[in-house]
Amino acid sequence: MKFEELHLQDTLLKAIKKSGFTEPTPIQEKCIPVIKEGKDVVGQSLTGSGKTAAFGLPLLERMQPKKGVQALILTPTRELAQQVKDTLATFAAFTPIQITGIYGGVSMQPQVDALRRVEVIVATPGRMLDHTNRKTVNFANTHYVVLDEADKMLEMGFIEDVEEILKHLPKERQTLLFSATIPSEIQHLIRRHLKNPVMIKEKLHVDKSLLKQVYYGVKQHEKFSLLVHLLKNKTPGLAIVFCATRREVDILSKNLKMQKIHAMAVHGGLSQNKRSKAVDSLKSEDIQVLVATDVAARGLDIKNISHIYNYDSPKNASEYTHRIGRTARAGKSGEAVTLLSERDHDNFRNVLNDSSLIIKKEAIPEFERVQFSRHVPEDREFSHNPHRQRFGRGFSKPRRHNF
């Protein structure tokens, strides 16, 4: 099927063509006609399936210039809000429709100004509720609502904010909900706020032919040295390294810089400016490694991610699947590597409860022990060259470690 067969407006088709897209993804092919009919939809699919266009294209068709805020899209994270906003702006390039991103970590006043002149809002629940309570937004003409990554919003404790926001919206509206999983709380949300929704489910598994999944059994004090070795010698593209806590992300990223690996941190405790800079640096390949908590596991569309490293094991199969979904995309191959020490075993057992995941044990390679400090002074951090560089290979006399 071609996008032309979905009978979208010429202005949208022009933008789609300019973006290099010719054929809709399965979720787009299924959702767009149903949304165009005005029906409520529950879409179940993983990040990377193309669902922003699946809900965005038919909504943009219905927007009327200078008629106030007509569509509200709620997302769990600032990064996803910015990305959805940018994607929609690309599709709306040949229309007069204006879109804004509303999220915390930045000044309120520019957002207040933007809310007076846009037709589409992409927002995180907390900041959107702030504007709602301050009456700096007018929802009188808002007849289209999207709840994106609903299960992540539930996990992050935003559902009460979502419920409160929905109270301020017109009862007569079209509501779309997208979620990778549908736990009982999300089912309640669907029953309360969606009218006879059409259920659309896309495949929720990783393409095993493109993604190699392995784990290394390693002692905790050797984990960092092995990671450095793998990043320097076995990672041809970009990498995301996942840690369990913000503190671990900060410590690990600083230690990687000490090893002259161009890494930056992203987690919920950083300012929006720092988070955006880290993500943008990876997208532009000014750095090669993003060290992150699970705030980066959903929504971010970064090309050329060849490797995902689980420095700390995810807690369950769902979290694991979302992490590794950052690689092996758009027909490219990728590798997901879990570094498994004694303290990770319980969580990893939960991951392996999903029989669809085939994760093989890999033999420990030869690697050199390197220093790891939990107290890295700021002035000792490695300052990376702003010009793009690939990983170096400066190890001498590798030493074999048997575990």
Protein backbone atom coordinates (compact mmCIF):
# COMPACT_ATOMS: atom_id res chain seq x y z
CA MET A 1 0.00 0.00 0.00
CA LYS A 2 1.08 3.56 -0.74
CA PHE A 3 0.27 6.62 1.39
CA GLU A 4 -1.82 7.96 -1.52
CA GLU A 5 -4.25 5.07 -1.00
CA LEU A 6 -5.08 6.39 2.49
CA HIS A 7 -6.66 9.47 0.88
CA LEU A 8 -4.77 12.03 2.92
CA GLN A 9 -4.69 15.71 2.03
CA ASP A 10 -2.27 16.78 -0.69
CA THR A 11 -0.37 19.04 1.72
CA LEU A 12 0.29 16.09 4.02
CA LEU A 13 1.23 13.78 1.15
CA LYS A 14 3.71 16.41 -0.04
CA ALA A 15 5.36 16.50 3.40
CA ILE A 16 5.36 12.69 3.64
CA LYS A 17 7.07 12.44 0.26
CA LYS A 18 9.61 15.11 1.16
CA SER A 19 10.42 13.12 4.34
CA GLY A 20 11.24 10.08 2.21
CA PHE A 21 8.30 7.89 3.22
CA THR A 22 6.43 5.97 0.53
CA GLU A 23 4.61 3.13 2.27
CA PRO A 24 2.77 3.25 5.61
CA THR A 25 3.81 0.91 8.42
CA PRO A 26 1.28 -1.73 9.53
CA ILE A 27 0.07 0.38 12.49
CA GLN A 28 -0.37 3.40 10.19
CA GLU A 29 -2.22 1.36 7.58
CA LYS A 30 -4.64 0.05 10.22
CA CYS A 31 -5.12 3.21 12.30
CA ILE A 32 -5.36 6.04 9.79
CA PRO A 33 -8.62 4.95 8.08
CA VAL A 34 -10.33 4.26 11.43
CA ILE A 35 -9.22 7.59 12.93
CA LYS A 36 -10.35 9.41 9.79
CA GLU A 37 -13.82 7.91 10.41
CA GLY A 38 -13.87 9.64 13.81
CA LYS A 39 -13.77 6.48 15.92
CA ASP A 40 -11.99 6.12 19.25
CA VAL A 41 -8.96 3.82 18.98
CA VAL A 42 -6.81 1.74 21.31
CA GLY A 43 -3.54 0.99 19.56
CA GLN A 44 -1.15 -1.53 21.03
CA SER A 45 2.33 -1.36 19.58
CA LEU A 46 5.94 -0.81 20.51
CA THR A 47 7.91 2.39 20.10
CA GLY A 48 9.34 2.58 16.61
CA SER A 49 6.24 1.21 14.88
CA GLY A 50 5.33 4.61 13.43
CA LYS A 51 2.39 5.42 15.65
CA THR A 52 3.09 9.18 15.75
CA ALA A 53 2.17 9.34 12.07
CA ALA A 54 -0.64 6.84 12.67
CA PHE A 55 -2.49 9.30 14.90
CA GLY A 56 -0.84 12.53 13.76
CA LEU A 57 -1.67 12.49 10.06
CA PRO A 58 -5.44 12.05 10.39
CA LEU A 59 -5.57 14.61 13.22
CA LEU A 60 -3.65 17.21 11.23
CA GLU A 61 -6.18 16.80 8.44
CA ARG A 62 -8.93 17.99 10.76
CA MET A 63 -7.19 21.01 12.22
CA GLN A 64 -8.61 24.40 11.27
CA PRO A 65 -6.21 27.36 11.36
CA LYS A 66 -6.79 30.03 14.00
CA LYS A 67 -9.63 28.12 15.67
CA GLY A 68 -7.87 27.60 19.00
CA VAL A 69 -6.41 24.44 20.54
CA GLN A 70 -8.12 21.53 18.79
CA ALA A 71 -5.87 18.57 19.63
CA LEU A 72 -4.04 17.56 22.82
CA ILE A 73 -1.42 14.82 22.84
CA LEU A 74 -0.12 13.65 26.23
CA THR A 75 3.20 11.81 26.49
CA PRO A 76 5.13 10.51 29.54
CA THR A 77 8.49 12.24 28.98
CA ARG A 78 9.83 15.58 27.82
CA GLU A 79 11.99 13.88 25.20
CA LEU A 80 9.01 12.10 23.68
CA ALA A 81 6.91 15.28 23.75
CA GLN A 82 9.62 17.17 21.85
CA GLN A 83 10.06 14.34 19.38
CA VAL A 84 6.31 14.00 18.69
CA LYS A 85 6.06 17.77 18.29
CA ASP A 86 8.96 17.81 15.82
CA THR A 87 7.51 14.90 13.84
CA LEU A 88 4.09 16.54 13.58
CA ALA A 89 5.68 19.85 12.58
CA THR A 90 7.44 18.04 9.74
CA PHE A 91 4.14 16.61 8.49
CA ALA A 92 2.44 20.02 8.87
CA ALA A 93 5.20 21.86 6.98
CA PHE A 94 2.93 22.79 4.06
CA THR A 95 -0.05 23.75 6.22
CA PRO A 96 -0.68 26.80 8.43
CA ILE A 97 -1.18 24.53 11.48
CA GLN A 98 1.00 25.40 14.49
CA ILE A 99 2.16 22.93 17.11
CA THR A 100 3.85 23.47 20.47
CA GLY A 101 5.54 21.29 23.07
CA ILE A 102 4.56 21.82 26.70
CA TYR A 103 6.76 20.23 29.38
CA GLY A 104 8.64 21.02 32.56
CA GLY A 105 12.21 22.12 33.03
CA VAL A 106 11.74 25.29 30.95
CA SER A 107 10.13 28.68 31.51
CA MET A 108 6.34 28.93 31.67
CA GLN A 109 5.85 32.30 29.97
CA PRO A 110 6.93 31.33 26.42
CA GLN A 111 4.55 28.38 26.73
CA VAL A 112 1.72 30.68 27.84
CA ASP A 113 2.34 32.81 24.75
CA ALA A 114 2.43 29.77 22.46
CA LEU A 115 -0.81 28.35 23.88
CA ARG A 116 -2.68 31.40 22.58
CA ARG A 117 -1.82 30.77 18.93
CA VAL A 118 -1.48 27.00 18.33
CA GLU A 119 -3.89 24.34 17.15
CA VAL A 120 -2.01 21.29 18.51
CA ILE A 121 -0.42 20.75 21.92
CA VAL A 122 2.03 17.94 22.70
CA ALA A 123 2.56 17.86 26.46
CA THR A 124 3.67 15.96 29.52
CA PRO A 125 0.86 15.59 32.07
CA GLY A 126 2.46 17.51 34.95
CA ARG A 127 3.18 20.73 33.08
CA MET A 128 -0.10 20.52 31.16
CA LEU A 129 -1.98 20.29 34.45
CA ASP A 130 -0.08 23.35 35.69
CA HIS A 131 -1.34 25.36 32.72
CA THR A 132 -4.83 23.94 33.13
CA ASN A 133 -4.97 24.99 36.79
CA ARG A 134 -3.59 28.43 35.96
CA LYS A 135 -6.19 28.80 33.19
CA THR A 136 -3.49 29.64 30.66
CA VAL A 137 -4.99 27.22 28.14
CA ASN A 138 -8.45 27.14 26.56
CA PHE A 139 -9.79 23.67 25.78
CA ALA A 140 -13.22 24.82 24.52
CA ASN A 141 -12.45 23.66 20.97
CA THR A 142 -10.33 20.62 21.86
CA HIS A 143 -12.11 17.65 20.32
CA TYR A 144 -9.16 15.34 19.72
CA VAL A 145 -7.10 13.76 22.50
CA VAL A 146 -4.22 11.28 22.27
CA LEU A 147 -2.79 9.41 25.25
CA ASP A 148 0.58 8.19 24.00
CA GLU A 149 2.60 5.52 25.87
CA ALA A 150 -0.24 5.22 28.38
CA ASP A 151 1.36 2.38 30.32
CA LYS A 152 4.53 4.43 30.78
CA MET A 153 2.44 7.35 32.08
CA LEU A 154 0.88 4.89 34.53
CA GLU A 155 4.29 3.58 35.58
CA MET A 156 5.58 7.12 36.14
CA GLY A 157 2.59 8.07 38.31
CA PHE A 158 0.92 10.45 35.84
CA ILE A 159 -2.47 8.81 35.49
CA GLU A 160 -4.10 10.99 38.15
CA ASP A 161 -2.84 14.09 36.31
CA VAL A 162 -4.21 12.66 33.05
CA GLU A 163 -7.59 12.06 34.66
CA GLU A 164 -7.67 15.61 35.99
CA ILE A 165 -6.79 17.10 32.61
CA LEU A 166 -9.48 15.05 30.88
CA LYS A 167 -12.09 16.54 33.21
CA HIS A 168 -11.44 19.95 31.63
CA LEU A 169 -11.94 18.73 28.05
CA PRO A 170 -15.22 18.66 26.11
CA LYS A 171 -17.13 15.41 26.60
CA GLU A 172 -17.78 15.20 22.87
CA ARG A 173 -14.37 14.32 21.53
CA GLN A 174 -12.37 11.63 19.76
CA THR A 175 -9.95 9.89 22.12
CA LEU A 176 -7.01 7.75 20.99
CA LEU A 177 -4.89 5.69 23.36
CA PHE A 178 -1.61 4.01 22.48
CA SER A 179 0.17 1.64 24.82
CA ALA A 180 2.63 -1.22 24.53
CA THR A 181 0.86 -3.11 27.32
CA ILE A 182 -2.71 -2.92 28.62
CA PRO A 183 -2.60 -3.54 32.39
CA SER A 184 -5.81 -3.39 34.43
CA GLU A 185 -5.39 0.31 35.30
CA ILE A 186 -5.17 1.17 31.60
CA GLN A 187 -8.24 -0.96 30.94
CA HIS A 188 -10.10 1.16 33.52
CA LEU A 189 -8.88 4.31 31.78
CA ILE A 190 -10.16 2.99 28.45
CA ARG A 191 -13.58 2.12 29.88
CA ARG A 192 -13.93 5.55 31.49
CA HIS A 193 -12.82 7.77 28.64
CA LEU A 194 -13.15 5.97 25.30
CA LYS A 195 -16.43 5.24 23.51
CA ASN A 196 -16.66 1.85 21.78
CA PRO A 197 -12.98 1.98 20.80
CA VAL A 198 -11.61 0.01 17.90
CA MET A 199 -8.79 -2.22 19.19
CA ILE A 200 -5.75 -2.30 16.89
CA LYS A 201 -2.86 -4.51 17.90
CA GLU A 202 0.45 -4.56 16.13
CA LYS A 203 3.21 -7.12 16.64
CA LEU A 204 4.90 -6.69 20.01
CA HIS A 205 8.04 -8.75 19.48
CA VAL A 206 11.51 -7.89 18.31
CA ASP A 207 12.67 -9.08 14.88
CA LYS A 208 14.93 -11.93 15.95
CA SER A 209 16.55 -12.11 12.52
CA LEU A 210 17.96 -8.60 12.96
CA LEU A 211 18.64 -8.45 16.70
CA LYS A 212 21.27 -10.53 18.43
CA GLN A 213 20.59 -10.87 22.17
CA VAL A 214 23.38 -11.99 24.50
CA TYR A 215 24.47 -11.79 28.10
CA TYR A 216 27.82 -12.04 29.84
CA GLY A 217 28.18 -13.50 33.32
CA VAL A 218 30.63 -11.16 35.02
CA LYS A 219 31.65 -10.24 38.55
CA GLN A 220 30.37 -6.86 39.68
CA HIS A 221 33.83 -5.35 40.06
CA GLU A 222 34.72 -6.41 36.49
CA LYS A 223 31.55 -5.09 34.88
CA PHE A 224 32.87 -1.64 33.99
CA SER A 225 36.09 -2.98 32.49
CA LEU A 226 34.12 -5.35 30.28
CA LEU A 227 31.80 -2.57 29.19
CA VAL A 228 34.73 -0.34 28.21
CA HIS A 229 36.25 -3.19 26.20
CA LEU A 230 32.98 -3.87 24.37
CA LEU A 231 32.39 -0.20 23.61
CA LYS A 232 35.90 0.30 22.28
CA ASN A 233 36.23 -2.93 20.33
CA LYS A 234 32.81 -4.41 19.58
CA THR A 235 30.53 -1.42 18.97
CA PRO A 236 30.69 -0.09 15.39
CA GLY A 237 27.78 2.36 15.75
CA LEU A 238 26.09 4.35 18.47
CA ALA A 239 25.20 2.81 21.83
CA ILE A 240 22.80 3.36 24.71
CA VAL A 241 23.85 2.04 28.11
CA PHE A 242 21.02 1.56 30.60
CA CYS A 243 21.46 1.86 34.36
CA ALA A 244 18.96 1.34 37.17
CA THR A 245 19.39 4.69 38.95
CA ARG A 246 20.19 8.32 38.20
CA ARG A 247 23.26 8.16 40.42
CA GLU A 248 24.60 5.14 38.57
CA VAL A 249 24.07 6.94 35.25
CA ASP A 250 26.08 9.95 36.46
CA ILE A 251 28.91 7.85 37.86
CA LEU A 252 29.13 5.59 34.83
CA SER A 253 29.10 8.42 32.27
CA LYS A 254 31.91 10.22 34.13
CA ASN A 255 33.99 7.05 34.26
CA LEU A 256 33.47 6.43 30.55
CA LYS A 257 34.73 9.95 29.83
CA MET A 258 37.82 9.12 31.91
CA GLN A 259 38.40 6.26 29.46
CA LYS A 260 38.11 8.73 26.54
CA ILE A 261 34.75 7.36 25.46
CA HIS A 262 32.48 10.18 24.33
CA ALA A 263 29.45 9.68 26.57
CA MET A 264 26.72 11.84 28.04
CA ALA A 265 24.06 11.17 30.66
CA VAL A 266 20.29 11.51 30.41
CA HIS A 267 17.84 10.99 33.28
CA GLY A 268 14.94 12.71 34.97
CA GLY A 269 17.11 14.58 37.45
CA LEU A 270 18.88 16.65 34.83
CA SER A 271 17.68 19.99 33.49
CA GLN A 272 15.76 19.88 30.23
CA ASN A 273 18.61 21.69 28.52
CA LYS A 274 21.12 19.00 29.52
CA ARG A 275 18.75 16.18 28.58
CA SER A 276 18.07 17.69 25.17
CA LYS A 277 21.76 18.35 24.58
CA ALA A 278 22.65 14.72 25.35
CA VAL A 279 19.98 13.29 23.04
CA ASP A 280 20.81 15.76 20.25
CA SER A 281 24.52 14.98 20.60
CA LEU A 282 23.86 11.29 20.06
CA LYS A 283 21.56 11.97 17.11
CA SER A 284 24.24 14.11 15.46
CA GLU A 285 26.91 11.57 16.47
CA ASP A 286 28.98 14.14 18.37
CA ILE A 287 29.02 11.48 21.06
CA GLN A 288 28.86 7.70 20.65
CA VAL A 289 27.30 6.66 23.95
CA LEU A 290 24.19 7.77 25.82
CA VAL A 291 24.06 6.55 29.43
CA ALA A 292 20.45 6.53 30.56
CA THR A 293 17.79 5.44 32.96
CA ASP A 294 14.61 4.04 31.48
CA VAL A 295 13.38 7.57 30.79
CA ALA A 296 15.09 7.08 27.41
CA ALA A 297 13.71 3.60 26.76
CA ARG A 298 10.51 4.83 25.18
CA GLY A 299 9.80 7.08 22.29
CA LEU A 300 13.24 8.27 21.27
CA ASP A 301 13.86 7.71 17.58
CA ILE A 302 17.63 7.76 17.14
CA LYS A 303 19.12 6.26 13.99
CA ASN A 304 22.25 4.10 13.83
CA ILE A 305 21.99 2.61 17.33
CA SER A 306 23.98 -0.58 16.83
CA HIS A 307 24.14 -1.69 20.47
CA ILE A 308 22.06 -1.57 23.63
CA TYR A 309 23.92 -2.36 26.84
CA ASN A 310 22.06 -3.30 30.00
CA TYR A 311 24.64 -2.31 32.59
CA ASP A 312 21.99 -3.10 35.19
CA SER A 313 19.46 -5.76 34.29
CA PRO A 314 15.94 -4.51 33.57
CA LYS A 315 13.34 -5.55 36.13
CA ASN A 316 11.10 -7.52 33.80
CA ALA A 317 10.54 -8.61 30.19
CA SER A 318 8.50 -5.54 29.29
CA GLU A 319 11.25 -3.17 30.43
CA TYR A 320 13.82 -5.29 28.61
CA THR A 321 11.82 -5.21 25.37
CA HIS A 322 11.45 -1.44 25.49
CA ARG A 323 15.16 -0.97 26.07
CA ILE A 324 16.28 -3.21 23.23
CA GLY A 325 13.67 -1.66 20.92
CA ARG A 326 16.12 1.23 20.42
CA THR A 327 18.19 -0.91 18.03
CA ALA A 328 17.58 -3.24 15.04
CA ARG A 329 15.20 -0.71 13.50
CA ALA A 330 14.28 0.15 9.93
CA GLY A 331 15.69 -3.11 8.64
CA LYS A 332 19.12 -2.69 10.25
CA SER A 333 20.76 -5.23 12.52
CA GLY A 334 21.62 -4.58 16.16
CA GLU A 335 22.82 -6.22 19.33
CA ALA A 336 21.43 -6.18 22.86
CA VAL A 337 23.99 -7.01 25.55
CA THR A 338 23.23 -7.61 29.22
CA LEU A 339 26.10 -7.53 31.73
CA LEU A 340 24.95 -9.94 34.40
CA SER A 341 26.53 -9.85 37.85
CA GLU A 342 25.31 -11.55 41.01
CA ARG A 343 23.00 -8.72 42.01
CA ASP A 344 21.22 -8.81 38.63
CA HIS A 345 20.11 -12.44 38.77
CA ASP A 346 16.66 -11.95 40.29
CA ASN A 347 15.67 -9.28 37.80
CA PHE A 348 17.09 -11.24 34.88
CA ARG A 349 15.08 -14.30 35.86
CA ASN A 350 11.97 -12.13 35.51
CA VAL A 351 13.10 -11.16 32.02
CA LEU A 352 13.62 -14.79 31.03
CA ASN A 353 10.07 -15.64 32.09
CA ASP A 354 9.10 -14.41 28.63
CA SER A 355 9.72 -17.48 26.50
CA SER A 356 9.70 -15.42 23.30
CA LEU A 357 13.03 -13.83 24.28
CA ILE A 358 16.03 -15.84 23.14
CA ILE A 359 19.04 -14.48 25.03
CA LYS A 360 22.22 -16.51 24.69
CA LYS A 361 25.18 -16.61 27.03
CA GLU A 362 28.35 -15.29 25.45
CA ALA A 363 31.91 -16.29 26.38
CA ILE A 364 33.83 -13.60 28.24
CA PRO A 365 36.40 -12.03 25.88
CA GLU A 366 39.86 -10.98 26.84
CA PHE A 367 39.79 -7.52 28.33
CA GLU A 368 42.00 -5.16 30.25
CA ARG A 369 41.14 -4.06 33.77
CA VAL A 370 40.55 -0.30 33.94
CA GLN A 371 39.98 2.02 36.85
CA PHE A 372 36.45 2.69 38.06
CA SER A 373 35.79 5.36 40.66
CA ARG A 374 32.52 6.10 42.41
CA HIS A 375 33.83 9.58 43.22
CA VAL A 376 34.95 11.31 40.05
CA PRO A 377 35.84 14.99 40.56
CA GLU A 378 34.29 17.26 37.94
CA ASP A 379 37.67 18.62 36.84
CA ARG A 380 38.94 15.13 36.04
CA GLU A 381 36.22 14.38 33.52
CA PHE A 382 37.37 13.79 29.98
CA SER A 383 36.30 16.69 27.78
CA HIS A 384 35.42 15.26 24.39
CA ASN A 385 36.48 16.80 21.12
CA PRO A 386 33.45 18.53 19.58
CA HIS A 387 34.40 16.99 16.24
CA ARG A 388 33.05 13.51 15.78
CA GLN A 389 35.42 10.71 16.72
CA ARG A 390 35.03 6.95 16.76
CA PHE A 391 36.05 4.72 19.63
CA GLY A 392 39.75 4.23 20.07
CA ARG A 393 41.46 0.90 20.48
CA GLY A 394 44.30 1.67 22.88
CA PHE A 395 44.56 -1.51 24.97
CA SER A 396 47.82 -3.36 25.51
CA LYS A 397 48.49 -6.95 26.64
CA PRO A 398 44.91 -8.08 27.15
CA ARG A 399 44.38 -10.23 30.19
CA ARG A 400 42.04 -13.23 30.25
CA HIS A 401 39.40 -13.36 32.96
CA ASN A 402 37.60 -16.61 33.65
CA PHE A 403 34.39 -16.56 35.64
